[in-house]
Amino acid sequence: MARYTGPKQKRARRFKEPIFGPSKALERKPYGPGQHGRSRFQKKSEYAVQLEQKQKAKYTYGMLERQFRNLFEKASSKTGVTGENLMKYLEARLDNTVFRMGFARTRRQARQIVTHKHIVVNGIVVNIPSYTLKPGDVVTVRPKSRDLEIINETISYAPRNRYNWLEVDRKLMTGKFLNYPEFDEIPENINVQLIVELYSK
């Protein structure tokens, strides 16, 4: 399975946001990587700005180009605003939902938990991180995996963020995907309109 394995913190510094989770490197060096990282006079072309937003979305949700483009085409074929549809589909991914429910500290960790068959959807083990949830789907930690230290530590110490589109019971290690989130409820700083403009060229 293809995935990005390059330097995470350089990517986070490039976007000046902790897209992979809390970053001490970003706190120490709140500027871009490389010899021009500190420069204040970096004039970017329209294409560069659009590409940066697409790259940020891809790295944030842990996707490669072909997978991201396929999801964009799915979002554009659906009625409604393409950018909003895209973000809703990204949030409905299984690895992202496991992360949002607090069963993993980062999306990367959530991806690993799903791949190693620790997650059950509607009573069936699902090991595909990109699996798209539908409203009403129930996500639980597999019974034989509930004693795993990595999951228990995360549930005990991770911030208890609440999202209106999710219903979570951390004690029972279960959650429900109630509905697709409204666009303004998604807490990611991504300008999806620029992504739509990029793919529309």
C-alpha atoms as a PDB file:
ATOM      1  CA  MET A   1       0.000   0.000   0.000  1.00  0.00           C
ATOM      2  CA  ALA A   2       1.509   3.317  -1.103  1.00  0.00           C
ATOM      3  CA  ARG A   3       1.897   6.073   1.471  1.00  0.00           C
ATOM      4  CA  TYR A   4       4.089   9.072   2.134  1.00  0.00           C
ATOM      5  CA  THR A   5       7.215   8.119   4.117  1.00  0.00           C
ATOM      6  CA  GLY A   6       9.261  11.296   3.759  1.00  0.00           C
ATOM      7  CA  PRO A   7      10.191  13.874   6.422  1.00  0.00           C
ATOM      8  CA  LYS A   8       7.027  14.922   8.255  1.00  0.00           C
ATOM      9  CA  GLN A   9       8.274  17.985  10.078  1.00  0.00           C
ATOM     10  CA  LYS A  10       9.706  19.595   6.952  1.00  0.00           C
ATOM     11  CA  ARG A  11       6.272  19.273   5.389  1.00  0.00           C
ATOM     12  CA  ALA A  12       4.625  20.759   8.473  1.00  0.00           C
ATOM     13  CA  ARG A  13       7.076  23.681   8.445  1.00  0.00           C
ATOM     14  CA  ARG A  14       6.420  24.229   4.757  1.00  0.00           C
ATOM     15  CA  PHE A  15       2.720  24.790   5.457  1.00  0.00           C
ATOM     16  CA  LYS A  16       3.442  26.452   8.839  1.00  0.00           C
ATOM     17  CA  GLU A  17       0.834  24.194  10.451  1.00  0.00           C
ATOM     18  CA  PRO A  18       1.113  20.945  12.490  1.00  0.00           C
ATOM     19  CA  ILE A  19      -0.673  18.884   9.834  1.00  0.00           C
ATOM     20  CA  PHE A  20       0.764  15.602  11.189  1.00  0.00           C
ATOM     21  CA  GLY A  21      -0.032  16.342  14.838  1.00  0.00           C
ATOM     22  CA  PRO A  22       1.761  18.328  17.577  1.00  0.00           C
ATOM     23  CA  SER A  23       5.159  19.459  16.315  1.00  0.00           C
ATOM     24  CA  LYS A  24       8.068  20.641  18.474  1.00  0.00           C
ATOM     25  CA  ALA A  25      10.067  21.323  15.314  1.00  0.00           C
ATOM     26  CA  LEU A  26       7.420  23.796  14.189  1.00  0.00           C
ATOM     27  CA  GLU A  27       7.518  25.494  17.585  1.00  0.00           C
ATOM     28  CA  ARG A  28      11.309  25.859  17.391  1.00  0.00           C
ATOM     29  CA  LYS A  29      11.375  26.908  13.744  1.00  0.00           C
ATOM     30  CA  PRO A  30       8.069  28.569  12.777  1.00  0.00           C
ATOM     31  CA  TYR A  31       9.212  29.211   9.229  1.00  0.00           C
ATOM     32  CA  GLY A  32       9.632  27.187   6.062  1.00  0.00           C
ATOM     33  CA  PRO A  33      12.513  24.729   5.529  1.00  0.00           C
ATOM     34  CA  GLY A  34      15.526  25.451   3.342  1.00  0.00           C
ATOM     35  CA  GLN A  35      17.759  28.459   2.818  1.00  0.00           C
ATOM     36  CA  HIS A  36      14.826  30.663   1.769  1.00  0.00           C
ATOM     37  CA  GLY A  37      12.551  29.547   4.606  1.00  0.00           C
ATOM     38  CA  ARG A  38      12.986  32.773   6.570  1.00  0.00           C
ATOM     39  CA  SER A  39      12.466  35.077   3.592  1.00  0.00           C
ATOM     40  CA  ARG A  40       9.490  37.423   3.896  1.00  0.00           C
ATOM     41  CA  PHE A  41       9.408  38.264   0.211  1.00  0.00           C
ATOM     42  CA  GLN A  42       8.344  35.015  -1.368  1.00  0.00           C
ATOM     43  CA  LYS A  43       5.960  35.947  -4.141  1.00  0.00           C
ATOM     44  CA  LYS A  44       3.997  32.886  -5.219  1.00  0.00           C
ATOM     45  CA  SER A  45       2.190  32.412  -8.500  1.00  0.00           C
ATOM     46  CA  GLU A  46      -1.515  31.618  -8.576  1.00  0.00           C
ATOM     47  CA  TYR A  47      -0.697  28.035  -9.536  1.00  0.00           C
ATOM     48  CA  ALA A  48       1.766  27.688  -6.635  1.00  0.00           C
ATOM     49  CA  VAL A  49      -0.844  28.864  -4.122  1.00  0.00           C
ATOM     50  CA  GLN A  50      -3.442  26.433  -5.503  1.00  0.00           C
ATOM     51  CA  LEU A  51      -0.961  23.549  -5.538  1.00  0.00           C
ATOM     52  CA  GLU A  52       0.044  24.289  -1.941  1.00  0.00           C
ATOM     53  CA  GLN A  53      -3.561  23.914  -0.760  1.00  0.00           C
ATOM     54  CA  LYS A  54      -3.933  20.618  -2.605  1.00  0.00           C
ATOM     55  CA  GLN A  55      -0.685  19.326  -1.129  1.00  0.00           C
ATOM     56  CA  LYS A  56      -1.744  20.411   2.348  1.00  0.00           C
ATOM     57  CA  ALA A  57      -5.030  18.487   2.023  1.00  0.00           C
ATOM     58  CA  LYS A  58      -3.239  15.385   0.720  1.00  0.00           C
ATOM     59  CA  TYR A  59      -0.664  15.329   3.514  1.00  0.00           C
ATOM     60  CA  THR A  60      -3.220  16.172   6.197  1.00  0.00           C
ATOM     61  CA  TYR A  61      -5.434  13.217   5.306  1.00  0.00           C
ATOM     62  CA  GLY A  62      -2.593  10.879   4.298  1.00  0.00           C
ATOM     63  CA  MET A  63      -3.375  10.414   0.606  1.00  0.00           C
ATOM     64  CA  LEU A  64      -1.395  10.175  -2.608  1.00  0.00           C
ATOM     65  CA  GLU A  65      -2.228  11.915  -5.877  1.00  0.00           C
ATOM     66  CA  ARG A  66      -4.267   9.268  -7.701  1.00  0.00           C
ATOM     67  CA  GLN A  67      -6.408   8.505  -4.686  1.00  0.00           C
ATOM     68  CA  PHE A  68      -6.992  12.207  -4.031  1.00  0.00           C
ATOM     69  CA  ARG A  69      -7.925  12.912  -7.653  1.00  0.00           C
ATOM     70  CA  ASN A  70     -10.384   9.994  -7.702  1.00  0.00           C
ATOM     71  CA  LEU A  71     -12.042  11.375  -4.578  1.00  0.00           C
ATOM     72  CA  PHE A  72     -12.192  14.836  -6.165  1.00  0.00           C
ATOM     73  CA  GLU A  73     -13.904  13.400  -9.253  1.00  0.00           C
ATOM     74  CA  LYS A  74     -16.399  11.617  -7.009  1.00  0.00           C
ATOM     75  CA  ALA A  75     -17.091  14.905  -5.181  1.00  0.00           C
ATOM     76  CA  SER A  76     -17.496  16.838  -8.445  1.00  0.00           C
ATOM     77  CA  SER A  77     -19.986  14.304  -9.843  1.00  0.00           C
ATOM     78  CA  LYS A  78     -22.243  14.706  -6.801  1.00  0.00           C
ATOM     79  CA  THR A  79     -24.813  17.490  -6.588  1.00  0.00           C
ATOM     80  CA  GLY A  80     -23.794  20.421  -4.414  1.00  0.00           C
ATOM     81  CA  VAL A  81     -20.609  22.436  -3.984  1.00  0.00           C
ATOM     82  CA  THR A  82     -17.617  20.380  -5.127  1.00  0.00           C
ATOM     83  CA  GLY A  83     -15.192  21.690  -2.494  1.00  0.00           C
ATOM     84  CA  GLU A  84     -17.601  21.042   0.354  1.00  0.00           C
ATOM     85  CA  ASN A  85     -18.362  17.552  -0.983  1.00  0.00           C
ATOM     86  CA  LEU A  86     -14.637  16.828  -1.118  1.00  0.00           C
ATOM     87  CA  MET A  87     -14.092  17.788   2.523  1.00  0.00           C
ATOM     88  CA  LYS A  88     -17.091  15.713   3.609  1.00  0.00           C
ATOM     89  CA  TYR A  89     -15.712  12.646   1.837  1.00  0.00           C
ATOM     90  CA  LEU A  90     -12.290  13.223   3.406  1.00  0.00           C
ATOM     91  CA  GLU A  91     -13.860  13.387   6.864  1.00  0.00           C
ATOM     92  CA  ALA A  92     -15.864  10.213   6.190  1.00  0.00           C
ATOM     93  CA  ARG A  93     -12.704   8.127   5.662  1.00  0.00           C
ATOM     94  CA  LEU A  94     -12.352   5.373   8.266  1.00  0.00           C
ATOM     95  CA  ASP A  95      -8.819   6.310   9.375  1.00  0.00           C
ATOM     96  CA  ASN A  96      -9.851   9.946   9.838  1.00  0.00           C
ATOM     97  CA  THR A  97     -12.952   8.938  11.819  1.00  0.00           C
ATOM     98  CA  VAL A  98     -10.924   6.674  14.121  1.00  0.00           C
ATOM     99  CA  PHE A  99      -8.650   9.670  14.754  1.00  0.00           C
ATOM    100  CA  ARG A 100     -11.579  12.048  15.357  1.00  0.00           C
ATOM    101  CA  MET A 101     -13.181   9.588  17.780  1.00  0.00           C
ATOM    102  CA  GLY A 102     -10.036   9.660  19.910  1.00  0.00           C
ATOM    103  CA  PHE A 103      -8.950   6.049  19.355  1.00  0.00           C
ATOM    104  CA  ALA A 104      -5.643   7.264  17.854  1.00  0.00           C
ATOM    105  CA  ARG A 105      -3.437  10.302  18.474  1.00  0.00           C
ATOM    106  CA  THR A 106      -2.760  11.012  14.807  1.00  0.00           C
ATOM    107  CA  ARG A 107      -4.192   9.988  11.468  1.00  0.00           C
ATOM    108  CA  ARG A 108      -1.050   7.979  10.800  1.00  0.00           C
ATOM    109  CA  GLN A 109      -1.587   6.014  13.970  1.00  0.00           C
ATOM    110  CA  ALA A 110      -5.252   5.564  13.069  1.00  0.00           C
ATOM    111  CA  ARG A 111      -4.220   4.248   9.660  1.00  0.00           C
ATOM    112  CA  GLN A 112      -1.955   1.694  11.321  1.00  0.00           C
ATOM    113  CA  ILE A 113      -4.664   0.612  13.766  1.00  0.00           C
ATOM    114  CA  VAL A 114      -7.113   0.078  10.900  1.00  0.00           C
ATOM    115  CA  THR A 115      -4.569  -1.751   8.722  1.00  0.00           C
ATOM    116  CA  HIS A 116      -3.721  -4.129  11.580  1.00  0.00           C
ATOM    117  CA  LYS A 117      -7.390  -5.157  11.848  1.00  0.00           C
ATOM    118  CA  HIS A 118      -8.155  -3.584  15.220  1.00  0.00           C
ATOM    119  CA  ILE A 119     -11.284  -1.771  13.990  1.00  0.00           C
ATOM    120  CA  VAL A 120     -14.758  -3.145  13.331  1.00  0.00           C
ATOM    121  CA  VAL A 121     -17.461  -1.400  11.268  1.00  0.00           C
ATOM    122  CA  ASN A 122     -21.015  -2.637  11.779  1.00  0.00           C
ATOM    123  CA  GLY A 123     -19.678  -5.878  13.265  1.00  0.00           C
ATOM    124  CA  ILE A 124     -17.268  -6.599  10.400  1.00  0.00           C
ATOM    125  CA  VAL A 125     -13.479  -6.143  10.573  1.00  0.00           C
ATOM    126  CA  VAL A 126     -12.385  -3.496   8.071  1.00  0.00           C
ATOM    127  CA  ASN A 127      -8.674  -3.010   7.362  1.00  0.00           C
ATOM    128  CA  ILE A 128      -8.968  -0.411   4.577  1.00  0.00           C
ATOM    129  CA  PRO A 129      -8.069   3.088   5.854  1.00  0.00           C
ATOM    130  CA  SER A 130      -9.792   4.772   2.892  1.00  0.00           C
ATOM    131  CA  TYR A 131     -13.095   2.967   3.543  1.00  0.00           C
ATOM    132  CA  THR A 132     -15.875   5.570   3.296  1.00  0.00           C
ATOM    133  CA  LEU A 133     -18.358   5.528   6.148  1.00  0.00           C
ATOM    134  CA  LYS A 134     -22.055   6.140   5.640  1.00  0.00           C
ATOM    135  CA  PRO A 135     -24.455   7.835   8.077  1.00  0.00           C
ATOM    136  CA  GLY A 136     -25.429   5.361  10.790  1.00  0.00           C
ATOM    137  CA  ASP A 137     -22.264   3.241  10.593  1.00  0.00           C
ATOM    138  CA  VAL A 138     -20.979   2.041  13.972  1.00  0.00           C
ATOM    139  CA  VAL A 139     -17.215   1.976  14.510  1.00  0.00           C
ATOM    140  CA  THR A 140     -15.756   0.004  17.405  1.00  0.00           C
ATOM    141  CA  VAL A 141     -12.402  -1.265  18.589  1.00  0.00           C
ATOM    142  CA  ARG A 142     -12.255  -5.026  18.028  1.00  0.00           C
ATOM    143  CA  PRO A 143     -12.940  -6.864  21.333  1.00  0.00           C
ATOM    144  CA  LYS A 144      -9.635  -8.773  21.266  1.00  0.00           C
ATOM    145  CA  SER A 145      -7.785  -5.471  20.659  1.00  0.00           C
ATOM    146  CA  ARG A 146      -9.224  -3.522  23.603  1.00  0.00           C
ATOM    147  CA  ASP A 147      -6.303  -4.331  25.878  1.00  0.00           C
ATOM    148  CA  LEU A 148      -3.741  -2.840  23.507  1.00  0.00           C
ATOM    149  CA  GLU A 149      -1.603  -0.294  25.334  1.00  0.00           C
ATOM    150  CA  ILE A 150      -1.441   2.090  22.370  1.00  0.00           C
ATOM    151  CA  ILE A 151      -5.242   2.390  22.210  1.00  0.00           C
ATOM    152  CA  ASN A 152      -5.821   2.584  25.964  1.00  0.00           C
ATOM    153  CA  GLU A 153      -3.196   5.286  26.435  1.00  0.00           C
ATOM    154  CA  THR A 154      -4.694   7.339  23.639  1.00  0.00           C
ATOM    155  CA  ILE A 155      -8.220   7.075  25.029  1.00  0.00           C
ATOM    156  CA  SER A 156      -6.987   7.995  28.522  1.00  0.00           C
ATOM    157  CA  TYR A 157      -4.878  11.021  27.606  1.00  0.00           C
ATOM    158  CA  ALA A 158      -6.088  12.329  24.245  1.00  0.00           C
ATOM    159  CA  PRO A 159      -8.131  15.577  24.307  1.00  0.00           C
ATOM    160  CA  ARG A 160     -11.860  14.911  24.355  1.00  0.00           C
ATOM    161  CA  ASN A 161     -12.813  16.860  21.269  1.00  0.00           C
ATOM    162  CA  ARG A 162     -16.485  16.676  20.370  1.00  0.00           C
ATOM    163  CA  TYR A 163     -17.733  16.709  16.820  1.00  0.00           C
ATOM    164  CA  ASN A 164     -21.403  17.089  15.973  1.00  0.00           C
ATOM    165  CA  TRP A 165     -21.303  14.390  13.309  1.00  0.00           C
ATOM    166  CA  LEU A 166     -19.902  11.750  15.683  1.00  0.00           C
ATOM    167  CA  GLU A 167     -21.260  10.030  18.775  1.00  0.00           C
ATOM    168  CA  VAL A 168     -18.538   8.448  20.903  1.00  0.00           C
ATOM    169  CA  ASP A 169     -18.437   6.287  24.024  1.00  0.00           C
ATOM    170  CA  ARG A 170     -14.773   5.975  24.990  1.00  0.00           C
ATOM    171  CA  LYS A 171     -15.445   3.560  27.855  1.00  0.00           C
ATOM    172  CA  LEU A 172     -17.051   1.079  25.470  1.00  0.00           C
ATOM    173  CA  MET A 173     -14.569   2.038  22.721  1.00  0.00           C
ATOM    174  CA  THR A 174     -17.345   2.560  20.235  1.00  0.00           C
ATOM    175  CA  GLY A 175     -18.657   5.406  18.128  1.00  0.00           C
ATOM    176  CA  LYS A 176     -21.269   6.189  15.523  1.00  0.00           C
ATOM    177  CA  PHE A 177     -20.902   8.185  12.318  1.00  0.00           C
ATOM    178  CA  LEU A 178     -24.141  10.150  12.524  1.00  0.00           C
ATOM    179  CA  ASN A 179     -23.916  12.117   9.307  1.00  0.00           C
ATOM    180  CA  TYR A 180     -21.575  13.892   6.953  1.00  0.00           C
ATOM    181  CA  PRO A 181     -20.282  17.022   8.696  1.00  0.00           C
ATOM    182  CA  GLU A 182     -21.316  20.492   7.665  1.00  0.00           C
ATOM    183  CA  PHE A 183     -18.506  22.297   5.877  1.00  0.00           C
ATOM    184  CA  ASP A 184     -18.112  24.976   8.572  1.00  0.00           C
ATOM    185  CA  GLU A 185     -17.818  22.288  11.284  1.00  0.00           C
ATOM    186  CA  ILE A 186     -14.636  20.772   9.811  1.00  0.00           C
ATOM    187  CA  PRO A 187     -11.669  22.139  11.824  1.00  0.00           C
ATOM    188  CA  GLU A 188      -9.080  22.028   9.027  1.00  0.00           C
ATOM    189  CA  ASN A 189      -7.544  25.178   7.568  1.00  0.00           C
ATOM    190  CA  ILE A 190      -7.780  24.206   3.900  1.00  0.00           C
ATOM    191  CA  ASN A 191      -8.975  26.510   1.119  1.00  0.00           C
ATOM    192  CA  VAL A 192     -10.868  23.956  -0.970  1.00  0.00           C
ATOM    193  CA  GLN A 193     -11.923  26.536  -3.550  1.00  0.00           C
ATOM    194  CA  LEU A 194      -8.293  26.807  -4.655  1.00  0.00           C
ATOM    195  CA  ILE A 195      -8.155  23.011  -5.052  1.00  0.00           C
ATOM    196  CA  VAL A 196     -11.284  23.103  -7.224  1.00  0.00           C
ATOM    197  CA  GLU A 197      -9.728  25.851  -9.359  1.00  0.00           C
ATOM    198  CA  LEU A 198      -6.533  23.830  -9.744  1.00  0.00           C
ATOM    199  CA  TYR A 199      -8.305  20.691 -10.956  1.00  0.00           C
ATOM    200  CA  SER A 200     -10.604  22.725 -13.199  1.00  0.00           C
ATOM    201  CA  LYS A 201      -7.731  23.966 -15.372  1.00  0.00           C
END
